[in-house]
Amino acid sequence: MPALGEELRAARESRHLSLSDVSDQIHIRSLYLQAIEEENWASIAAPVYVRGFVRTYARFLGLNPEEAVARYNGTAPAEAKAEAPKQPVYISDRRGPSLWLLGAGAIAVLLVVFVGYNYYQLQKSTQAAIIAEGTPIPTIAPINPITAPGGATANAPATHALPASPPAGPGLAVRLDDRSWLRVIVDGTNRMEGVFDAGTERVFRGKTATVRVGNAGGVDISVNGKDLGKMGASGDVVDRSFTLAQ
């Protein structure tokens, strides 16, 4: 069986398509498509986004997307994990700390700083891979947050907490059960944009709404009281437009 990247390239070339042709149709940058065909996974970003790109590319070429993702999982390097010390260190109050304990404490502090720095760098790199070519890079915090540490902001959008069941009245309700980039435009105004964690819930009122997500399998949509379910498969980049009841 040929390698995953070779099979994707052969399927694309058999359709007489260039990388640019495919990029225009599935909205994934051609440089990422080339990296997939070369199996240069490290140049794309975090594995969760690589899986979404591979699934979308394979589906477009008429290949089995889940089988393609499974083959990627078999070749991708394991993600590094760092664990914090599980047991606290107790020092007797009858004598000063030993040099060994001081050294261990200094190493623990350096480890925490190192892990925090690498996590920050990972977040910066994964943001660039969420959105296809031509889409601005989202920020970690929402552009118009509902509240700030000091209290409610003056220009926060008019959104409401989403109840356990879809609202019966008009409007667009958004619920995230997995981390995803999300942008909501209502009546031509950007009302919500950024990377949001699972548990985020919003309701928007207006005439029309456009929703774009970077992890469609983690976003549920309800429109005018009707639950439409997930916007797509996990890792997919999806655009949807809705007409809201008045």
Protein backbone atom coordinates (compact mmCIF):
# COMPACT_ATOMS: atom_id res chain seq x y z
CA MET A 1 0.00 0.00 0.00
CA PRO A 2 1.47 3.41 -0.94
CA ALA A 3 2.14 5.99 1.76
CA LEU A 4 -0.76 8.27 2.70
CA GLY A 5 0.82 11.35 1.12
CA GLU A 6 1.60 9.48 -2.12
CA GLU A 7 -1.97 8.17 -2.36
CA LEU A 8 -3.42 11.67 -1.89
CA ARG A 9 -1.07 13.12 -4.52
CA ALA A 10 -1.91 10.34 -7.00
CA ALA A 11 -5.65 10.88 -6.46
CA ARG A 12 -5.25 14.63 -7.04
CA GLU A 13 -3.12 14.23 -10.18
CA SER A 14 -5.53 11.63 -11.63
CA ARG A 15 -8.15 14.39 -11.55
CA HIS A 16 -5.73 16.80 -13.27
CA LEU A 17 -5.87 19.22 -10.35
CA SER A 18 -3.07 21.42 -9.05
CA LEU A 19 -2.56 22.21 -5.38
CA SER A 20 -3.93 25.69 -6.05
CA ASP A 21 -7.07 24.21 -7.67
CA VAL A 22 -7.75 22.10 -4.59
CA SER A 23 -6.95 24.99 -2.22
CA ASP A 24 -9.53 27.20 -3.94
CA GLN A 25 -12.24 24.57 -3.47
CA ILE A 26 -11.64 23.31 0.08
CA HIS A 27 -10.11 26.50 1.52
CA ILE A 28 -6.93 24.90 2.88
CA ARG A 29 -3.67 26.63 2.01
CA SER A 30 -1.71 24.96 -0.77
CA LEU A 31 1.43 24.91 1.39
CA TYR A 32 -0.45 22.74 3.93
CA LEU A 33 -1.72 20.45 1.15
CA GLN A 34 1.86 20.05 -0.09
CA ALA A 35 3.05 19.29 3.45
CA ILE A 36 0.35 16.59 3.74
CA GLU A 37 1.43 14.97 0.46
CA GLU A 38 5.05 15.05 1.67
CA GLU A 39 3.94 13.86 5.15
CA ASN A 40 5.78 16.83 6.64
CA TRP A 41 3.47 16.94 9.64
CA ALA A 42 5.68 19.17 11.79
CA SER A 43 5.27 22.11 9.38
CA ILE A 44 1.46 22.16 9.74
CA ALA A 45 0.82 22.49 13.52
CA ALA A 46 -0.88 20.54 16.27
CA PRO A 47 -2.14 17.01 15.36
CA VAL A 48 -5.81 17.95 15.94
CA TYR A 49 -5.65 20.39 13.01
CA VAL A 50 -3.61 18.01 10.82
CA ARG A 51 -6.38 15.41 11.27
CA GLY A 52 -9.00 17.94 10.17
CA PHE A 53 -7.00 18.88 7.06
CA VAL A 54 -6.35 15.22 6.15
CA ARG A 55 -10.04 14.34 6.61
CA THR A 56 -11.21 17.25 4.43
CA TYR A 57 -8.59 16.59 1.72
CA ALA A 58 -9.35 12.85 1.54
CA ARG A 59 -13.12 13.45 1.39
CA PHE A 60 -12.65 15.95 -1.47
CA LEU A 61 -10.57 13.41 -3.46
CA GLY A 62 -13.18 10.67 -2.97
CA LEU A 63 -11.08 8.66 -0.50
CA ASN A 64 -12.22 7.27 2.85
CA PRO A 65 -11.60 10.21 5.25
CA GLU A 66 -11.61 8.14 8.47
CA GLU A 67 -9.20 5.59 7.01
CA ALA A 68 -6.91 8.47 5.96
CA VAL A 69 -6.97 9.90 9.49
CA ALA A 70 -6.24 6.45 10.95
CA ARG A 71 -3.23 6.11 8.65
CA TYR A 72 -2.02 9.55 9.72
CA ASN A 73 -2.35 8.54 13.37
CA GLY A 74 -0.12 5.56 12.65
CA THR A 75 2.67 7.74 11.24
CA ALA A 76 2.40 10.92 13.34
CA PRO A 77 4.88 11.38 16.22
CA ALA A 78 3.51 11.10 19.77
CA GLU A 79 2.66 14.40 21.44
CA ALA A 80 4.99 15.34 24.27
CA LYS A 81 3.44 15.53 27.72
CA ALA A 82 4.75 17.12 30.83
CA GLU A 83 3.51 16.31 34.33
CA ALA A 84 3.85 18.45 37.40
CA PRO A 85 5.13 16.83 40.63
CA LYS A 86 2.26 14.93 42.29
CA GLN A 87 3.49 15.03 45.92
CA PRO A 88 4.35 18.15 47.93
CA VAL A 89 7.73 18.37 49.67
CA TYR A 90 7.60 18.91 53.44
CA ILE A 91 10.52 20.45 55.29
CA SER A 92 10.96 20.01 59.03
CA ASP A 93 10.66 23.24 61.00
CA ARG A 94 13.45 22.07 63.31
CA ARG A 95 16.20 22.65 60.76
CA GLY A 96 16.81 24.68 57.61
CA PRO A 97 16.22 23.17 54.16
CA SER A 98 19.05 21.08 52.75
CA LEU A 99 20.93 22.02 49.61
CA TRP A 100 19.33 19.04 47.89
CA LEU A 101 15.81 20.34 48.60
CA LEU A 102 16.73 23.84 47.47
CA GLY A 103 18.14 22.43 44.24
CA ALA A 104 15.04 20.29 43.66
CA GLY A 105 12.81 23.33 44.20
CA ALA A 106 14.80 25.39 41.70
CA ILE A 107 14.55 22.60 39.11
CA ALA A 108 10.78 22.36 39.67
CA VAL A 109 10.38 26.11 39.10
CA LEU A 110 12.44 25.95 35.91
CA LEU A 111 10.35 23.01 34.70
CA VAL A 112 7.10 24.92 35.24
CA VAL A 113 8.49 27.95 33.37
CA PHE A 114 9.69 25.72 30.52
CA VAL A 115 6.33 23.94 30.17
CA GLY A 116 4.43 27.23 30.30
CA TYR A 117 6.63 28.78 27.60
CA ASN A 118 6.23 25.79 25.28
CA TYR A 119 2.47 25.81 25.79
CA TYR A 120 2.37 29.49 24.84
CA GLN A 121 4.42 28.83 21.69
CA LEU A 122 2.15 25.90 20.76
CA GLN A 123 -0.94 28.10 21.06
CA LYS A 124 0.62 30.69 18.74
CA SER A 125 1.51 28.07 16.12
CA THR A 126 -1.86 26.30 16.15
CA GLN A 127 -3.80 29.53 15.63
CA ALA A 128 -2.17 29.95 12.22
CA ALA A 129 -3.42 26.54 11.04
CA ILE A 130 -7.05 26.84 12.11
CA ILE A 131 -8.34 29.03 9.28
CA ALA A 132 -7.86 28.50 5.55
CA GLU A 133 -6.16 31.01 3.26
CA GLY A 134 -7.63 34.48 3.27
CA THR A 135 -9.13 34.31 6.78
CA PRO A 136 -7.64 36.51 9.56
CA ILE A 137 -5.84 34.69 12.39
CA PRO A 138 -8.14 34.56 15.45
CA THR A 139 -7.08 35.71 18.87
CA ILE A 140 -7.29 33.56 21.99
CA ALA A 141 -9.71 35.94 23.71
CA PRO A 142 -13.01 36.97 22.06
CA ILE A 143 -12.91 40.29 20.22
CA ASN A 144 -15.96 41.49 22.20
CA PRO A 145 -15.87 39.63 25.56
CA ILE A 146 -18.99 39.53 27.65
CA THR A 147 -17.17 40.40 30.88
CA ALA A 148 -13.71 41.49 31.96
CA PRO A 149 -11.87 40.86 35.26
CA GLY A 150 -13.03 44.25 36.57
CA GLY A 151 -16.68 43.85 35.55
CA ALA A 152 -18.88 44.07 32.45
CA THR A 153 -17.42 45.87 29.42
CA ALA A 154 -19.16 48.91 27.96
CA ASN A 155 -19.28 47.63 24.35
CA ALA A 156 -20.06 43.93 24.96
CA PRO A 157 -22.47 42.43 22.33
CA ALA A 158 -26.05 41.70 23.34
CA THR A 159 -25.77 37.95 23.96
CA HIS A 160 -27.43 35.70 26.51
CA ALA A 161 -26.57 32.44 28.23
CA LEU A 162 -27.85 29.42 26.30
CA PRO A 163 -30.37 27.31 28.32
CA ALA A 164 -30.22 23.54 28.57
CA SER A 165 -32.69 23.26 25.63
CA PRO A 166 -32.83 25.49 22.49
CA PRO A 167 -34.73 28.77 23.02
CA ALA A 168 -38.27 28.67 21.71
CA GLY A 169 -38.14 32.23 20.37
CA PRO A 170 -36.29 33.67 17.39
CA GLY A 171 -32.51 33.88 17.24
CA LEU A 172 -29.29 31.93 16.82
CA ALA A 173 -27.99 29.81 19.72
CA VAL A 174 -24.40 28.51 19.76
CA ARG A 175 -23.03 25.90 22.18
CA LEU A 176 -19.46 24.48 22.20
CA ASP A 177 -18.72 21.02 23.62
CA ASP A 178 -15.13 21.04 22.28
CA ARG A 179 -12.50 23.77 21.84
CA SER A 180 -12.87 25.57 18.49
CA TRP A 181 -12.22 28.80 16.63
CA LEU A 182 -15.55 30.54 15.99
CA ARG A 183 -16.80 33.67 14.24
CA VAL A 184 -20.43 34.92 14.28
CA ILE A 185 -21.57 37.84 12.10
CA VAL A 186 -25.11 39.13 12.70
CA ASP A 187 -26.65 41.67 10.31
CA GLY A 188 -23.17 42.45 8.94
CA THR A 189 -21.60 43.05 12.38
CA ASN A 190 -18.89 40.81 13.84
CA ARG A 191 -20.41 39.77 17.18
CA MET A 192 -18.04 37.00 18.29
CA GLU A 193 -14.61 35.85 17.12
CA GLY A 194 -11.76 33.86 18.65
CA VAL A 195 -10.79 30.47 20.08
CA PHE A 196 -13.31 29.35 22.72
CA ASP A 197 -13.30 26.44 25.18
CA ALA A 198 -15.94 23.74 25.60
CA GLY A 199 -18.91 25.02 27.59
CA THR A 200 -19.11 28.40 25.82
CA GLU A 201 -22.77 29.31 25.11
CA ARG A 202 -24.23 32.35 23.31
CA VAL A 203 -27.56 33.52 21.86
CA PHE A 204 -27.79 36.19 19.13
CA ARG A 205 -30.77 38.18 17.84
CA GLY A 206 -31.11 39.77 14.43
CA LYS A 207 -32.26 39.19 10.85
CA THR A 208 -29.39 37.18 9.33
CA ALA A 209 -26.36 35.37 10.75
CA THR A 210 -23.20 33.83 9.28
CA VAL A 211 -21.21 31.30 11.32
CA ARG A 212 -17.69 30.03 10.51
CA VAL A 213 -16.01 27.37 12.67
CA GLY A 214 -12.60 25.68 12.66
CA ASN A 215 -13.75 22.50 14.46
CA ALA A 216 -17.29 21.81 13.23
CA GLY A 217 -17.68 18.67 15.32
CA GLY A 218 -17.41 20.70 18.51
CA VAL A 219 -20.14 23.29 17.76
CA ASP A 220 -23.93 22.84 18.12
CA ILE A 221 -26.34 25.30 16.45
CA SER A 222 -30.00 26.09 17.18
CA VAL A 223 -31.92 28.48 14.89
CA ASN A 224 -35.29 29.96 15.85
CA GLY A 225 -35.78 27.26 18.50
CA LYS A 226 -34.86 24.34 16.19
CA ASP A 227 -31.79 22.29 17.19
CA LEU A 228 -29.67 21.71 14.05
CA GLY A 229 -27.02 19.65 15.89
CA LYS A 230 -23.31 19.66 15.00
CA MET A 231 -22.13 21.91 12.20
CA GLY A 232 -20.00 19.10 10.72
CA ALA A 233 -17.27 16.56 11.44
CA SER A 234 -14.52 17.04 14.01
CA GLY A 235 -11.71 19.21 12.67
CA ASP A 236 -13.67 20.45 9.61
CA VAL A 237 -13.75 24.14 8.67
CA VAL A 238 -17.41 25.00 7.91
CA ASP A 239 -19.33 28.15 6.87
CA ARG A 240 -23.14 28.39 7.35
CA SER A 241 -25.62 31.24 6.88
CA PHE A 242 -29.03 31.50 8.55
CA THR A 243 -32.17 33.65 8.37
CA LEU A 244 -33.40 34.53 11.84
CA ALA A 245 -37.08 35.00 12.69
CA GLN A 246 -38.19 38.40 13.98
